[in-house]
Amino acid sequence: MLTGERKADNRMDSPETASGVIRLKPQQYIHILDTNTGVTRLEVGPQTITLRDHDRLALRPESMIVVPPRYYCIITNPVLRDEDGQPLADQHGQIRLRYQANSMTTSIVCPNTS
């Protein structure tokens, strides 16, 4: 299986998160949907996350893709950032993107979002 392909059984119906507590290891991430606002946020490990009543886990924890030294990746629609390098969000908390833009990056660790 290619690294960009998702497993079909990655939906959240597992007993490991039935209590609402998720433990992320280093270089793991999850997407959490806030059902009140409809905004999905990304949480990156290592950390322990307790889901609130209106949070729903979209996918099980996944490992990040590591770009090795002397390799590169092209990121399509990268996030907009302010002067301090922090991602910009709209009034609903959704991160803003630079549509139809590409960014070339070398030797990084990033979530597998394909």
N, C-alpha and C. Protein backbone atom coordinates (compact mmCIF):
# COMPACT_ATOMS: atom_id res chain seq x y z
N MET A 1 0.84 -1.18 0.00
CA MET A 1 0.00 0.00 0.00
C MET A 1 0.88 1.23 0.00
N LEU A 2 0.52 2.23 -0.79
CA LEU A 2 1.26 3.48 -0.84
C LEU A 2 1.03 4.27 0.43
N THR A 3 1.97 5.16 0.77
CA THR A 3 1.85 5.93 2.01
C THR A 3 0.68 6.89 1.98
N GLY A 4 0.25 7.32 0.81
CA GLY A 4 -0.84 8.28 0.71
C GLY A 4 -2.22 7.65 0.77
N GLU A 5 -2.29 6.32 0.71
CA GLU A 5 -3.59 5.66 0.73
C GLU A 5 -4.06 5.45 2.16
N ARG A 6 -5.33 5.62 2.39
CA ARG A 6 -5.91 5.39 3.71
C ARG A 6 -6.51 4.01 3.77
N LYS A 7 -6.48 3.44 4.94
CA LYS A 7 -7.10 2.14 5.14
C LYS A 7 -8.61 2.34 5.27
N ALA A 8 -9.37 1.43 4.71
CA ALA A 8 -10.83 1.54 4.74
C ALA A 8 -11.38 1.36 6.14
N ASP A 9 -10.67 0.65 7.01
CA ASP A 9 -11.16 0.39 8.35
C ASP A 9 -10.66 1.40 9.37
N ASN A 10 -10.33 2.60 8.93
CA ASN A 10 -9.76 3.61 9.80
C ASN A 10 -10.82 4.47 10.49
N ARG A 11 -12.08 4.19 10.31
CA ARG A 11 -13.15 4.95 10.98
C ARG A 11 -13.16 4.63 12.46
N MET A 12 -13.69 5.55 13.25
CA MET A 12 -13.61 5.42 14.69
C MET A 12 -14.78 4.66 15.28
N ASP A 13 -14.64 3.38 15.48
CA ASP A 13 -15.61 2.58 16.21
C ASP A 13 -14.86 1.63 17.14
N SER A 14 -13.71 2.02 17.61
CA SER A 14 -12.89 1.08 18.37
C SER A 14 -13.08 1.27 19.87
N PRO A 15 -12.88 0.22 20.65
CA PRO A 15 -13.02 0.31 22.09
C PRO A 15 -11.94 1.15 22.75
N GLU A 16 -10.79 1.38 22.05
CA GLU A 16 -9.71 2.12 22.67
C GLU A 16 -10.07 3.58 22.92
N THR A 17 -11.08 4.12 22.25
CA THR A 17 -11.51 5.50 22.47
C THR A 17 -12.94 5.57 23.00
N ALA A 18 -13.48 4.44 23.43
CA ALA A 18 -14.84 4.44 23.95
C ALA A 18 -14.97 5.31 25.19
N SER A 19 -13.89 5.45 25.96
CA SER A 19 -13.92 6.28 27.16
C SER A 19 -13.79 7.76 26.85
N GLY A 20 -13.42 8.11 25.62
CA GLY A 20 -13.26 9.51 25.25
C GLY A 20 -11.88 10.04 25.53
N VAL A 21 -10.94 9.18 25.93
CA VAL A 21 -9.56 9.58 26.20
C VAL A 21 -8.68 8.97 25.12
N ILE A 22 -7.89 9.81 24.45
CA ILE A 22 -7.01 9.35 23.37
C ILE A 22 -5.59 9.71 23.75
N ARG A 23 -4.71 8.73 23.70
CA ARG A 23 -3.29 8.96 23.98
C ARG A 23 -2.51 8.91 22.67
N LEU A 24 -1.95 10.04 22.31
CA LEU A 24 -1.16 10.13 21.08
C LEU A 24 0.31 9.96 21.40
N LYS A 25 0.98 9.12 20.64
CA LYS A 25 2.42 8.93 20.77
C LYS A 25 3.12 10.04 19.98
N PRO A 26 4.43 10.21 20.17
CA PRO A 26 5.15 11.20 19.36
C PRO A 26 4.99 10.89 17.87
N GLN A 27 4.84 11.92 17.09
CA GLN A 27 4.66 11.86 15.64
C GLN A 27 3.41 11.10 15.22
N GLN A 28 2.36 11.19 16.02
CA GLN A 28 1.03 10.71 15.64
C GLN A 28 0.10 11.91 15.62
N TYR A 29 -0.99 11.80 14.87
CA TYR A 29 -1.96 12.88 14.82
C TYR A 29 -3.36 12.32 14.64
N ILE A 30 -4.35 13.15 14.96
CA ILE A 30 -5.76 12.80 14.75
C ILE A 30 -6.51 14.05 14.30
N HIS A 31 -7.65 13.83 13.68
CA HIS A 31 -8.58 14.91 13.34
C HIS A 31 -9.79 14.76 14.25
N ILE A 32 -10.17 15.86 14.92
CA ILE A 32 -11.32 15.87 15.80
C ILE A 32 -12.35 16.85 15.25
N LEU A 33 -13.58 16.37 15.06
CA LEU A 33 -14.67 17.21 14.56
C LEU A 33 -15.45 17.78 15.72
N ASP A 34 -15.58 19.11 15.76
CA ASP A 34 -16.44 19.79 16.73
C ASP A 34 -17.82 19.85 16.11
N THR A 35 -18.77 19.07 16.62
CA THR A 35 -20.10 18.99 16.02
C THR A 35 -20.93 20.25 16.26
N ASN A 36 -20.53 21.11 17.19
CA ASN A 36 -21.24 22.38 17.40
C ASN A 36 -20.93 23.37 16.28
N THR A 37 -19.66 23.45 15.87
CA THR A 37 -19.26 24.44 14.87
C THR A 37 -19.04 23.83 13.50
N GLY A 38 -18.84 22.51 13.43
CA GLY A 38 -18.56 21.87 12.15
C GLY A 38 -17.12 22.02 11.71
N VAL A 39 -16.24 22.46 12.61
CA VAL A 39 -14.82 22.66 12.29
C VAL A 39 -14.03 21.45 12.78
N THR A 40 -13.16 20.95 11.92
CA THR A 40 -12.27 19.85 12.28
C THR A 40 -10.92 20.42 12.64
N ARG A 41 -10.38 19.98 13.77
CA ARG A 41 -9.06 20.45 14.19
C ARG A 41 -8.07 19.29 14.20
N LEU A 42 -6.81 19.62 14.06
CA LEU A 42 -5.74 18.64 14.04
C LEU A 42 -5.04 18.67 15.40
N GLU A 43 -4.87 17.51 16.01
CA GLU A 43 -4.14 17.39 17.27
C GLU A 43 -2.93 16.51 17.02
N VAL A 44 -1.76 16.96 17.48
CA VAL A 44 -0.50 16.27 17.24
C VAL A 44 0.09 15.83 18.57
N GLY A 45 0.62 14.59 18.61
CA GLY A 45 1.20 14.03 19.81
C GLY A 45 2.64 14.48 20.02
N PRO A 46 3.21 14.20 21.16
CA PRO A 46 2.65 13.39 22.23
C PRO A 46 1.74 14.21 23.14
N GLN A 47 0.56 13.68 23.40
CA GLN A 47 -0.38 14.29 24.35
C GLN A 47 -1.53 13.34 24.60
N THR A 48 -2.25 13.60 25.68
CA THR A 48 -3.46 12.86 25.99
C THR A 48 -4.63 13.81 25.80
N ILE A 49 -5.61 13.39 25.02
CA ILE A 49 -6.75 14.23 24.67
C ILE A 49 -8.01 13.61 25.24
N THR A 50 -8.82 14.42 25.89
CA THR A 50 -10.13 13.98 26.37
C THR A 50 -11.18 14.62 25.48
N LEU A 51 -11.98 13.79 24.81
CA LEU A 51 -13.03 14.31 23.94
C LEU A 51 -14.17 14.88 24.76
N ARG A 52 -14.65 16.04 24.35
CA ARG A 52 -15.81 16.64 25.01
C ARG A 52 -17.08 16.05 24.40
N ASP A 53 -18.22 16.38 24.96
CA ASP A 53 -19.48 15.81 24.50
C ASP A 53 -19.75 16.11 23.03
N HIS A 54 -19.33 17.27 22.57
CA HIS A 54 -19.62 17.67 21.19
C HIS A 54 -18.45 17.40 20.25
N ASP A 55 -17.43 16.68 20.71
CA ASP A 55 -16.30 16.30 19.84
C ASP A 55 -16.49 14.88 19.35
N ARG A 56 -16.08 14.66 18.10
CA ARG A 56 -16.14 13.32 17.52
C ARG A 56 -14.82 13.06 16.81
N LEU A 57 -14.24 11.92 17.06
CA LEU A 57 -12.99 11.55 16.43
C LEU A 57 -13.27 11.11 15.00
N ALA A 58 -12.66 11.78 14.02
CA ALA A 58 -12.92 11.48 12.62
C ALA A 58 -12.19 10.21 12.18
N LEU A 59 -10.93 10.06 12.56
CA LEU A 59 -10.12 8.90 12.19
C LEU A 59 -9.26 8.47 13.37
N ARG A 60 -8.86 7.22 13.37
CA ARG A 60 -7.95 6.72 14.41
C ARG A 60 -6.62 7.44 14.30
N PRO A 61 -5.80 7.42 15.37
CA PRO A 61 -4.48 8.05 15.30
C PRO A 61 -3.64 7.44 14.17
N GLU A 62 -2.96 8.31 13.44
CA GLU A 62 -2.10 7.89 12.34
C GLU A 62 -0.71 8.47 12.54
N SER A 63 0.28 7.79 11.97
CA SER A 63 1.66 8.26 12.02
C SER A 63 1.89 9.31 10.94
N MET A 64 2.80 10.24 11.24
CA MET A 64 3.15 11.28 10.27
C MET A 64 4.08 10.71 9.21
N ILE A 65 4.10 11.36 8.08
CA ILE A 65 5.05 11.02 7.03
C ILE A 65 6.32 11.80 7.30
N VAL A 66 7.45 11.13 7.24
CA VAL A 66 8.74 11.78 7.47
C VAL A 66 9.44 11.93 6.12
N VAL A 67 9.81 13.16 5.80
CA VAL A 67 10.55 13.42 4.57
C VAL A 67 12.04 13.33 4.93
N PRO A 68 12.74 12.33 4.38
CA PRO A 68 14.14 12.14 4.76
C PRO A 68 15.05 13.25 4.23
N PRO A 69 16.27 13.34 4.77
CA PRO A 69 17.22 14.34 4.29
C PRO A 69 17.47 14.16 2.79
N ARG A 70 17.69 15.29 2.10
CA ARG A 70 17.96 15.35 0.66
C ARG A 70 16.77 14.91 -0.19
N TYR A 71 15.57 14.87 0.40
CA TYR A 71 14.34 14.63 -0.34
C TYR A 71 13.48 15.88 -0.20
N TYR A 72 12.43 15.97 -0.97
CA TYR A 72 11.53 17.11 -0.85
C TYR A 72 10.10 16.64 -1.10
N CYS A 73 9.15 17.46 -0.68
CA CYS A 73 7.75 17.21 -0.99
C CYS A 73 7.12 18.53 -1.41
N ILE A 74 6.10 18.43 -2.24
CA ILE A 74 5.38 19.61 -2.69
C ILE A 74 4.03 19.61 -1.99
N ILE A 75 3.76 20.68 -1.26
CA ILE A 75 2.52 20.82 -0.51
C ILE A 75 1.58 21.70 -1.33
N THR A 76 0.43 21.14 -1.68
CA THR A 76 -0.57 21.87 -2.44
C THR A 76 -1.52 22.57 -1.47
N ASN A 77 -1.87 23.80 -1.76
CA ASN A 77 -2.75 24.62 -0.92
C ASN A 77 -2.23 24.74 0.52
N PRO A 78 -1.01 25.28 0.70
CA PRO A 78 -0.48 25.43 2.05
C PRO A 78 -1.27 26.46 2.85
N VAL A 79 -1.09 26.47 4.16
CA VAL A 79 -1.84 27.37 5.03
C VAL A 79 -1.29 28.79 4.92
N LEU A 80 -2.18 29.76 5.16
CA LEU A 80 -1.77 31.16 5.27
C LEU A 80 -1.17 31.38 6.65
N ARG A 81 -0.09 32.14 6.73
CA ARG A 81 0.58 32.39 8.01
C ARG A 81 0.74 33.89 8.23
N ASP A 82 0.75 34.29 9.52
CA ASP A 82 0.96 35.69 9.86
C ASP A 82 2.46 36.00 9.93
N GLU A 83 2.82 37.19 10.38
CA GLU A 83 4.22 37.61 10.45
C GLU A 83 5.05 36.74 11.39
N ASP A 84 4.41 36.16 12.41
CA ASP A 84 5.11 35.31 13.39
C ASP A 84 5.19 33.86 12.95
N GLY A 85 4.62 33.53 11.79
CA GLY A 85 4.66 32.16 11.30
C GLY A 85 3.53 31.28 11.79
N GLN A 86 2.56 31.86 12.49
CA GLN A 86 1.42 31.10 13.01
C GLN A 86 0.32 31.01 11.95
N PRO A 87 -0.37 29.86 11.84
CA PRO A 87 -1.46 29.74 10.87
C PRO A 87 -2.60 30.72 11.16
N LEU A 88 -3.19 31.27 10.10
CA LEU A 88 -4.32 32.19 10.24
C LEU A 88 -5.63 31.40 10.19
N ALA A 89 -6.59 31.80 11.02
CA ALA A 89 -7.89 31.15 11.07
C ALA A 89 -8.97 32.17 10.73
N ASP A 90 -10.10 31.68 10.20
CA ASP A 90 -11.23 32.57 9.92
C ASP A 90 -12.07 32.72 11.18
N GLN A 91 -13.23 33.38 11.06
CA GLN A 91 -14.08 33.67 12.22
C GLN A 91 -14.66 32.41 12.86
N HIS A 92 -14.64 31.27 12.15
CA HIS A 92 -15.18 30.03 12.70
C HIS A 92 -14.09 29.12 13.25
N GLY A 93 -12.85 29.54 13.15
CA GLY A 93 -11.74 28.73 13.64
C GLY A 93 -11.13 27.81 12.60
N GLN A 94 -11.61 27.87 11.37
CA GLN A 94 -11.08 27.04 10.29
C GLN A 94 -9.79 27.68 9.76
N ILE A 95 -8.74 26.90 9.60
CA ILE A 95 -7.46 27.41 9.10
C ILE A 95 -7.61 27.81 7.64
N ARG A 96 -7.09 28.99 7.29
CA ARG A 96 -7.19 29.52 5.93
C ARG A 96 -6.07 28.95 5.06
N LEU A 97 -6.38 28.69 3.79
CA LEU A 97 -5.42 28.10 2.85
C LEU A 97 -5.10 29.07 1.72
N ARG A 98 -3.91 28.90 1.13
CA ARG A 98 -3.53 29.62 -0.08
C ARG A 98 -3.88 28.72 -1.24
N TYR A 99 -5.07 28.90 -1.80
CA TYR A 99 -5.54 28.03 -2.88
C TYR A 99 -4.74 28.26 -4.15
N GLN A 100 -4.57 27.20 -4.92
CA GLN A 100 -3.83 27.18 -6.18
C GLN A 100 -2.39 27.62 -5.99
N ALA A 101 -1.83 27.32 -4.83
CA ALA A 101 -0.43 27.63 -4.56
C ALA A 101 0.28 26.33 -4.19
N ASN A 102 1.56 26.28 -4.46
CA ASN A 102 2.38 25.14 -4.08
C ASN A 102 3.53 25.63 -3.23
N SER A 103 3.97 24.80 -2.32
CA SER A 103 5.11 25.11 -1.47
C SER A 103 6.04 23.91 -1.50
N MET A 104 7.32 24.15 -1.68
CA MET A 104 8.29 23.06 -1.69
C MET A 104 9.01 23.06 -0.35
N THR A 105 9.08 21.90 0.28
CA THR A 105 9.66 21.77 1.60
C THR A 105 10.64 20.61 1.61
N THR A 106 11.69 20.74 2.43
CA THR A 106 12.68 19.66 2.54
C THR A 106 12.82 19.23 3.99
N SER A 107 13.07 17.96 4.21
CA SER A 107 13.38 17.37 5.52
C SER A 107 12.46 17.83 6.63
N ILE A 108 11.20 17.44 6.56
CA ILE A 108 10.22 17.81 7.57
C ILE A 108 9.44 16.59 8.00
N VAL A 109 8.63 16.76 9.04
CA VAL A 109 7.67 15.76 9.46
C VAL A 109 6.30 16.40 9.31
N CYS A 110 5.39 15.75 8.61
CA CYS A 110 4.08 16.35 8.40
C CYS A 110 3.00 15.29 8.45
N PRO A 111 1.77 15.68 8.83
CA PRO A 111 0.66 14.72 8.84
C PRO A 111 0.36 14.19 7.46
N ASN A 112 -0.06 12.97 7.41
CA ASN A 112 -0.47 12.33 6.15
C ASN A 112 -1.88 12.78 5.87
N THR A 113 -2.05 13.84 5.08
CA THR A 113 -3.37 14.42 4.85
C THR A 113 -3.89 14.15 3.46
N SER A 114 -3.29 13.22 2.76
CA SER A 114 -3.78 12.94 1.40
C SER A 114 -4.93 11.96 1.43
